[in-house]
Amino acid sequence: MLTSLITFFITGLLFAGLSIPLIRKKVKINNWYGIRLPQTMKSEAVWYEVNAIMGKYLFVFGIIISGLSAYFYFNPLEDQFYMVYLLLAVLVIGSFLFFSLSLKFSRKFGEEYILQKNLKVIS
């Protein structure tokens, strides 16, 4: 069980660490790192805005995962598997919410960008 808790703890720290360049708007448009959706790839303004917002969510998500892992390390539950399943559920649900929010913000800022630039939307 200790290995699982350490793995979740490191995963949370990794999420938090990877979010910092996104929050600071230091990541240029690329095919590997950041929210890579059609709306974000078309405009640097949309790319930086969406990635900065989602970077904040990713940071909080990482801290929650690491925090829960540390809490369970120092305050273990009787059922060891319950801790791992709970952390896994937080990871899966959090990832789904992160994905949903990234779609929402990409669409929102993509549409605002098109309206500001008076561009035609290609369906």
N, C-alpha and C. Protein backbone atom coordinates (compact mmCIF):
# COMPACT_ATOMS: atom_id res chain seq x y z
N MET A 1 0.81 -1.21 0.00
CA MET A 1 0.00 0.00 0.00
C MET A 1 0.85 1.26 0.00
N LEU A 2 2.00 1.19 0.65
CA LEU A 2 2.88 2.34 0.70
C LEU A 2 3.30 2.78 -0.70
N THR A 3 3.57 1.82 -1.56
CA THR A 3 3.96 2.14 -2.94
C THR A 3 2.84 2.88 -3.66
N SER A 4 1.61 2.45 -3.45
CA SER A 4 0.47 3.12 -4.10
C SER A 4 0.33 4.55 -3.61
N LEU A 5 0.46 4.76 -2.31
CA LEU A 5 0.33 6.11 -1.77
C LEU A 5 1.45 7.01 -2.29
N ILE A 6 2.65 6.48 -2.37
CA ILE A 6 3.76 7.26 -2.90
C ILE A 6 3.53 7.59 -4.37
N THR A 7 3.01 6.62 -5.12
CA THR A 7 2.73 6.85 -6.54
C THR A 7 1.69 7.96 -6.72
N PHE A 8 0.62 7.92 -5.93
CA PHE A 8 -0.39 8.98 -6.02
C PHE A 8 0.19 10.32 -5.59
N PHE A 9 1.01 10.32 -4.55
CA PHE A 9 1.63 11.55 -4.07
C PHE A 9 2.50 12.18 -5.16
N ILE A 10 3.33 11.36 -5.80
CA ILE A 10 4.20 11.86 -6.86
C ILE A 10 3.39 12.31 -8.07
N THR A 11 2.31 11.60 -8.38
CA THR A 11 1.43 12.00 -9.49
C THR A 11 0.85 13.39 -9.23
N GLY A 12 0.39 13.62 -8.01
CA GLY A 12 -0.14 14.93 -7.65
C GLY A 12 0.90 16.03 -7.77
N LEU A 13 2.12 15.74 -7.29
CA LEU A 13 3.20 16.73 -7.42
C LEU A 13 3.55 16.99 -8.87
N LEU A 14 3.52 15.94 -9.68
CA LEU A 14 3.79 16.08 -11.11
C LEU A 14 2.75 16.97 -11.77
N PHE A 15 1.47 16.74 -11.46
CA PHE A 15 0.40 17.59 -12.00
C PHE A 15 0.63 19.05 -11.59
N ALA A 16 0.91 19.27 -10.31
CA ALA A 16 1.11 20.63 -9.82
C ALA A 16 2.32 21.27 -10.50
N GLY A 17 3.40 20.52 -10.63
CA GLY A 17 4.60 21.05 -11.26
C GLY A 17 4.41 21.37 -12.73
N LEU A 18 3.71 20.50 -13.44
CA LEU A 18 3.47 20.73 -14.87
C LEU A 18 2.51 21.90 -15.11
N SER A 19 1.72 22.24 -14.11
CA SER A 19 0.74 23.32 -14.29
C SER A 19 1.38 24.71 -14.22
N ILE A 20 2.51 24.83 -13.56
CA ILE A 20 3.09 26.15 -13.33
C ILE A 20 3.46 26.89 -14.63
N PRO A 21 4.14 26.25 -15.58
CA PRO A 21 4.40 26.97 -16.84
C PRO A 21 3.12 27.35 -17.59
N LEU A 22 2.07 26.53 -17.45
CA LEU A 22 0.80 26.86 -18.10
C LEU A 22 0.18 28.09 -17.45
N ILE A 23 0.19 28.13 -16.13
CA ILE A 23 -0.38 29.27 -15.40
C ILE A 23 0.37 30.56 -15.76
N ARG A 24 1.67 30.47 -15.88
CA ARG A 24 2.51 31.64 -16.16
C ARG A 24 2.55 32.00 -17.65
N LYS A 25 1.79 31.25 -18.46
CA LYS A 25 1.69 31.49 -19.91
C LYS A 25 3.06 31.42 -20.59
N LYS A 26 3.83 30.42 -20.22
CA LYS A 26 5.18 30.23 -20.77
C LYS A 26 5.23 29.15 -21.85
N VAL A 27 4.14 28.45 -22.07
CA VAL A 27 4.13 27.34 -23.02
C VAL A 27 3.51 27.82 -24.33
N LYS A 28 4.32 27.81 -25.39
CA LYS A 28 3.82 28.20 -26.71
C LYS A 28 2.98 27.08 -27.31
N ILE A 29 2.21 27.42 -28.32
CA ILE A 29 1.39 26.41 -29.00
C ILE A 29 2.30 25.29 -29.49
N ASN A 30 1.92 24.07 -29.16
CA ASN A 30 2.70 22.90 -29.55
C ASN A 30 1.78 21.69 -29.61
N ASN A 31 2.30 20.58 -30.05
CA ASN A 31 1.50 19.36 -30.18
C ASN A 31 1.67 18.39 -29.02
N TRP A 32 2.37 18.80 -27.95
CA TRP A 32 2.68 17.85 -26.88
C TRP A 32 2.18 18.25 -25.50
N TYR A 33 2.13 19.53 -25.19
CA TYR A 33 1.95 19.97 -23.81
C TYR A 33 0.96 21.11 -23.76
N GLY A 34 -0.13 20.92 -23.02
CA GLY A 34 -1.16 21.94 -22.90
C GLY A 34 -2.49 21.41 -23.40
N ILE A 35 -3.49 22.27 -23.38
CA ILE A 35 -4.82 21.91 -23.87
C ILE A 35 -4.80 22.08 -25.38
N ARG A 36 -4.76 20.96 -26.08
CA ARG A 36 -4.62 20.96 -27.54
C ARG A 36 -5.95 20.58 -28.19
N LEU A 37 -6.80 21.56 -28.34
CA LEU A 37 -8.09 21.37 -29.00
C LEU A 37 -8.13 22.31 -30.21
N PRO A 38 -9.02 22.05 -31.16
CA PRO A 38 -9.06 22.92 -32.35
C PRO A 38 -9.16 24.41 -32.02
N GLN A 39 -9.95 24.75 -31.01
CA GLN A 39 -10.12 26.17 -30.67
C GLN A 39 -8.83 26.77 -30.12
N THR A 40 -8.08 26.01 -29.35
CA THR A 40 -6.86 26.57 -28.76
C THR A 40 -5.71 26.60 -29.76
N MET A 41 -5.73 25.71 -30.72
CA MET A 41 -4.63 25.64 -31.69
C MET A 41 -4.73 26.73 -32.77
N LYS A 42 -5.89 27.37 -32.89
CA LYS A 42 -6.09 28.38 -33.93
C LYS A 42 -5.62 29.77 -33.53
N SER A 43 -5.49 30.01 -32.24
CA SER A 43 -5.19 31.36 -31.78
C SER A 43 -4.27 31.32 -30.56
N GLU A 44 -3.21 32.13 -30.59
CA GLU A 44 -2.33 32.21 -29.43
C GLU A 44 -3.06 32.80 -28.23
N ALA A 45 -3.93 33.77 -28.46
CA ALA A 45 -4.66 34.39 -27.36
C ALA A 45 -5.53 33.36 -26.65
N VAL A 46 -6.25 32.56 -27.42
CA VAL A 46 -7.10 31.51 -26.84
C VAL A 46 -6.23 30.46 -26.16
N TRP A 47 -5.13 30.07 -26.81
CA TRP A 47 -4.22 29.07 -26.25
C TRP A 47 -3.75 29.48 -24.85
N TYR A 48 -3.22 30.70 -24.75
CA TYR A 48 -2.67 31.14 -23.47
C TYR A 48 -3.74 31.29 -22.40
N GLU A 49 -4.90 31.81 -22.78
CA GLU A 49 -5.97 32.02 -21.81
C GLU A 49 -6.50 30.70 -21.27
N VAL A 50 -6.82 29.78 -22.16
CA VAL A 50 -7.37 28.49 -21.74
C VAL A 50 -6.34 27.71 -20.93
N ASN A 51 -5.10 27.70 -21.37
CA ASN A 51 -4.08 26.94 -20.66
C ASN A 51 -3.77 27.55 -19.29
N ALA A 52 -3.85 28.87 -19.16
CA ALA A 52 -3.63 29.51 -17.86
C ALA A 52 -4.74 29.12 -16.88
N ILE A 53 -5.97 29.16 -17.36
CA ILE A 53 -7.10 28.80 -16.49
C ILE A 53 -7.03 27.32 -16.12
N MET A 54 -6.81 26.47 -17.11
CA MET A 54 -6.78 25.03 -16.83
C MET A 54 -5.53 24.66 -16.03
N GLY A 55 -4.46 25.42 -16.16
CA GLY A 55 -3.28 25.20 -15.33
C GLY A 55 -3.59 25.39 -13.86
N LYS A 56 -4.43 26.38 -13.55
CA LYS A 56 -4.82 26.60 -12.15
C LYS A 56 -5.63 25.41 -11.63
N TYR A 57 -6.53 24.90 -12.46
CA TYR A 57 -7.30 23.72 -12.06
C TYR A 57 -6.38 22.51 -11.88
N LEU A 58 -5.42 22.36 -12.77
CA LEU A 58 -4.49 21.24 -12.68
C LEU A 58 -3.64 21.35 -11.42
N PHE A 59 -3.24 22.56 -11.06
CA PHE A 59 -2.46 22.76 -9.84
C PHE A 59 -3.26 22.34 -8.61
N VAL A 60 -4.49 22.81 -8.52
CA VAL A 60 -5.35 22.45 -7.39
C VAL A 60 -5.60 20.94 -7.36
N PHE A 61 -5.86 20.37 -8.51
CA PHE A 61 -6.09 18.93 -8.63
C PHE A 61 -4.87 18.16 -8.12
N GLY A 62 -3.68 18.59 -8.51
CA GLY A 62 -2.46 17.93 -8.06
C GLY A 62 -2.27 18.03 -6.56
N ILE A 63 -2.55 19.21 -6.01
CA ILE A 63 -2.42 19.40 -4.56
C ILE A 63 -3.42 18.53 -3.81
N ILE A 64 -4.64 18.41 -4.33
CA ILE A 64 -5.65 17.55 -3.69
C ILE A 64 -5.18 16.10 -3.68
N ILE A 65 -4.68 15.61 -4.81
CA ILE A 65 -4.21 14.22 -4.89
C ILE A 65 -3.04 13.99 -3.92
N SER A 66 -2.06 14.89 -3.95
CA SER A 66 -0.91 14.74 -3.06
C SER A 66 -1.32 14.89 -1.60
N GLY A 67 -2.21 15.82 -1.33
CA GLY A 67 -2.68 16.03 0.04
C GLY A 67 -3.41 14.82 0.59
N LEU A 68 -4.30 14.24 -0.22
CA LEU A 68 -5.01 13.03 0.22
C LEU A 68 -4.04 11.87 0.44
N SER A 69 -3.07 11.74 -0.44
CA SER A 69 -2.08 10.67 -0.29
C SER A 69 -1.30 10.84 1.01
N ALA A 70 -0.86 12.07 1.28
CA ALA A 70 -0.12 12.34 2.51
C ALA A 70 -1.00 12.09 3.74
N TYR A 71 -2.25 12.52 3.65
CA TYR A 71 -3.18 12.30 4.76
C TYR A 71 -3.33 10.81 5.05
N PHE A 72 -3.55 10.02 4.01
CA PHE A 72 -3.72 8.58 4.20
C PHE A 72 -2.43 7.90 4.66
N TYR A 73 -1.30 8.47 4.31
CA TYR A 73 -0.03 7.91 4.77
C TYR A 73 0.09 8.05 6.29
N PHE A 74 -0.28 9.23 6.81
CA PHE A 74 -0.16 9.48 8.24
C PHE A 74 -1.38 9.04 9.04
N ASN A 75 -2.51 8.87 8.38
CA ASN A 75 -3.76 8.44 9.02
C ASN A 75 -4.39 7.31 8.21
N PRO A 76 -3.76 6.15 8.19
CA PRO A 76 -4.27 5.07 7.33
C PRO A 76 -5.63 4.56 7.80
N LEU A 77 -6.43 4.18 6.83
CA LEU A 77 -7.72 3.56 7.13
C LEU A 77 -7.50 2.08 7.40
N GLU A 78 -8.47 1.47 8.07
CA GLU A 78 -8.36 0.03 8.34
C GLU A 78 -8.30 -0.76 7.05
N ASP A 79 -9.16 -0.41 6.13
CA ASP A 79 -9.19 -1.10 4.84
C ASP A 79 -8.22 -0.39 3.89
N GLN A 80 -7.04 -0.97 3.71
CA GLN A 80 -6.00 -0.36 2.89
C GLN A 80 -6.44 -0.17 1.44
N PHE A 81 -7.19 -1.14 0.93
CA PHE A 81 -7.63 -1.04 -0.47
C PHE A 81 -8.62 0.10 -0.66
N TYR A 82 -9.39 0.42 0.38
CA TYR A 82 -10.33 1.52 0.30
C TYR A 82 -9.60 2.83 0.02
N MET A 83 -8.44 3.02 0.64
CA MET A 83 -7.66 4.25 0.42
C MET A 83 -7.25 4.36 -1.05
N VAL A 84 -6.77 3.26 -1.59
CA VAL A 84 -6.31 3.27 -2.98
C VAL A 84 -7.48 3.50 -3.92
N TYR A 85 -8.60 2.83 -3.65
CA TYR A 85 -9.78 3.01 -4.50
C TYR A 85 -10.32 4.44 -4.41
N LEU A 86 -10.26 5.01 -3.23
CA LEU A 86 -10.72 6.39 -3.06
C LEU A 86 -9.81 7.35 -3.84
N LEU A 87 -8.51 7.17 -3.73
CA LEU A 87 -7.58 8.01 -4.49
C LEU A 87 -7.75 7.81 -5.99
N LEU A 88 -7.97 6.58 -6.40
CA LEU A 88 -8.19 6.30 -7.82
C LEU A 88 -9.47 6.97 -8.31
N ALA A 89 -10.52 6.92 -7.48
CA ALA A 89 -11.78 7.57 -7.85
C ALA A 89 -11.59 9.08 -7.98
N VAL A 90 -10.85 9.68 -7.05
CA VAL A 90 -10.58 11.12 -7.13
C VAL A 90 -9.80 11.43 -8.41
N LEU A 91 -8.84 10.59 -8.75
CA LEU A 91 -8.05 10.79 -9.96
C LEU A 91 -8.90 10.68 -11.22
N VAL A 92 -9.75 9.67 -11.28
CA VAL A 92 -10.58 9.46 -12.48
C VAL A 92 -11.64 10.56 -12.60
N ILE A 93 -12.35 10.84 -11.52
CA ILE A 93 -13.39 11.87 -11.55
C ILE A 93 -12.78 13.24 -11.82
N GLY A 94 -11.65 13.52 -11.16
CA GLY A 94 -10.97 14.79 -11.40
C GLY A 94 -10.50 14.94 -12.84
N SER A 95 -10.01 13.86 -13.42
CA SER A 95 -9.57 13.90 -14.82
C SER A 95 -10.75 14.15 -15.75
N PHE A 96 -11.87 13.52 -15.47
CA PHE A 96 -13.07 13.74 -16.28
C PHE A 96 -13.53 15.19 -16.17
N LEU A 97 -13.56 15.73 -14.95
CA LEU A 97 -13.95 17.13 -14.77
C LEU A 97 -12.97 18.07 -15.47
N PHE A 98 -11.68 17.77 -15.37
CA PHE A 98 -10.66 18.58 -16.02
C PHE A 98 -10.88 18.60 -17.53
N PHE A 99 -11.13 17.43 -18.10
CA PHE A 99 -11.38 17.33 -19.54
C PHE A 99 -12.64 18.12 -19.93
N SER A 100 -13.71 17.98 -19.15
CA SER A 100 -14.97 18.69 -19.43
C SER A 100 -14.77 20.20 -19.36
N LEU A 101 -14.07 20.66 -18.33
CA LEU A 101 -13.82 22.10 -18.19
C LEU A 101 -12.94 22.63 -19.32
N SER A 102 -11.97 21.83 -19.74
CA SER A 102 -11.11 22.29 -20.83
C SER A 102 -11.91 22.46 -22.12
N LEU A 103 -12.85 21.56 -22.37
CA LEU A 103 -13.72 21.72 -23.54
C LEU A 103 -14.57 22.97 -23.42
N LYS A 104 -15.14 23.18 -22.24
CA LYS A 104 -16.00 24.34 -22.00
C LYS A 104 -15.24 25.65 -22.22
N PHE A 105 -14.07 25.78 -21.59
CA PHE A 105 -13.31 27.02 -21.71
C PHE A 105 -12.76 27.21 -23.12
N SER A 106 -12.37 26.14 -23.79
CA SER A 106 -11.88 26.25 -25.16
C SER A 106 -12.97 26.78 -26.08
N ARG A 107 -14.16 26.25 -25.93
CA ARG A 107 -15.28 26.73 -26.76
C ARG A 107 -15.62 28.17 -26.44
N LYS A 108 -15.67 28.49 -25.15
CA LYS A 108 -16.04 29.85 -24.73
C LYS A 108 -15.04 30.87 -25.28
N PHE A 109 -13.76 30.65 -25.03
CA PHE A 109 -12.76 31.62 -25.47
C PHE A 109 -12.57 31.59 -26.98
N GLY A 110 -12.77 30.43 -27.59
CA GLY A 110 -12.70 30.34 -29.05
C GLY A 110 -13.79 31.17 -29.70
N GLU A 111 -15.01 31.08 -29.18
CA GLU A 111 -16.13 31.86 -29.73
C GLU A 111 -15.92 33.35 -29.48
N GLU A 112 -15.44 33.72 -28.29
CA GLU A 112 -15.18 35.13 -28.00
C GLU A 112 -14.12 35.69 -28.95
N TYR A 113 -13.10 34.91 -29.22
CA TYR A 113 -12.03 35.36 -30.12
C TYR A 113 -12.58 35.59 -31.52
N ILE A 114 -13.41 34.68 -31.99
CA ILE A 114 -14.00 34.81 -33.32
C ILE A 114 -14.88 36.06 -33.39
N LEU A 115 -15.67 36.31 -32.33
CA LEU A 115 -16.52 37.50 -32.31
C LEU A 115 -15.68 38.78 -32.27
N GLN A 116 -14.61 38.79 -31.50
CA GLN A 116 -13.76 39.98 -31.41
C GLN A 116 -13.09 40.30 -32.74
N LYS A 117 -12.70 39.28 -33.46
CA LYS A 117 -11.98 39.47 -34.72
C LYS A 117 -12.93 39.52 -35.92
N ASN A 118 -14.24 39.39 -35.66
CA ASN A 118 -15.24 39.37 -36.73
C ASN A 118 -14.93 38.30 -37.78
N LEU A 119 -14.53 37.16 -37.31
CA LEU A 119 -14.21 36.06 -38.22
C LEU A 119 -15.44 35.22 -38.47
N LYS A 120 -15.49 34.60 -39.61
CA LYS A 120 -16.59 33.70 -39.93
C LYS A 120 -16.28 32.32 -39.35
N VAL A 121 -17.30 31.71 -38.81
CA VAL A 121 -17.15 30.37 -38.26
C VAL A 121 -17.35 29.37 -39.38
N ILE A 122 -16.39 28.49 -39.54
CA ILE A 122 -16.49 27.45 -40.57
C ILE A 122 -17.02 26.20 -39.90
N SER A 123 -18.17 25.74 -40.35
CA SER A 123 -18.79 24.56 -39.73
C SER A 123 -18.31 23.29 -40.37
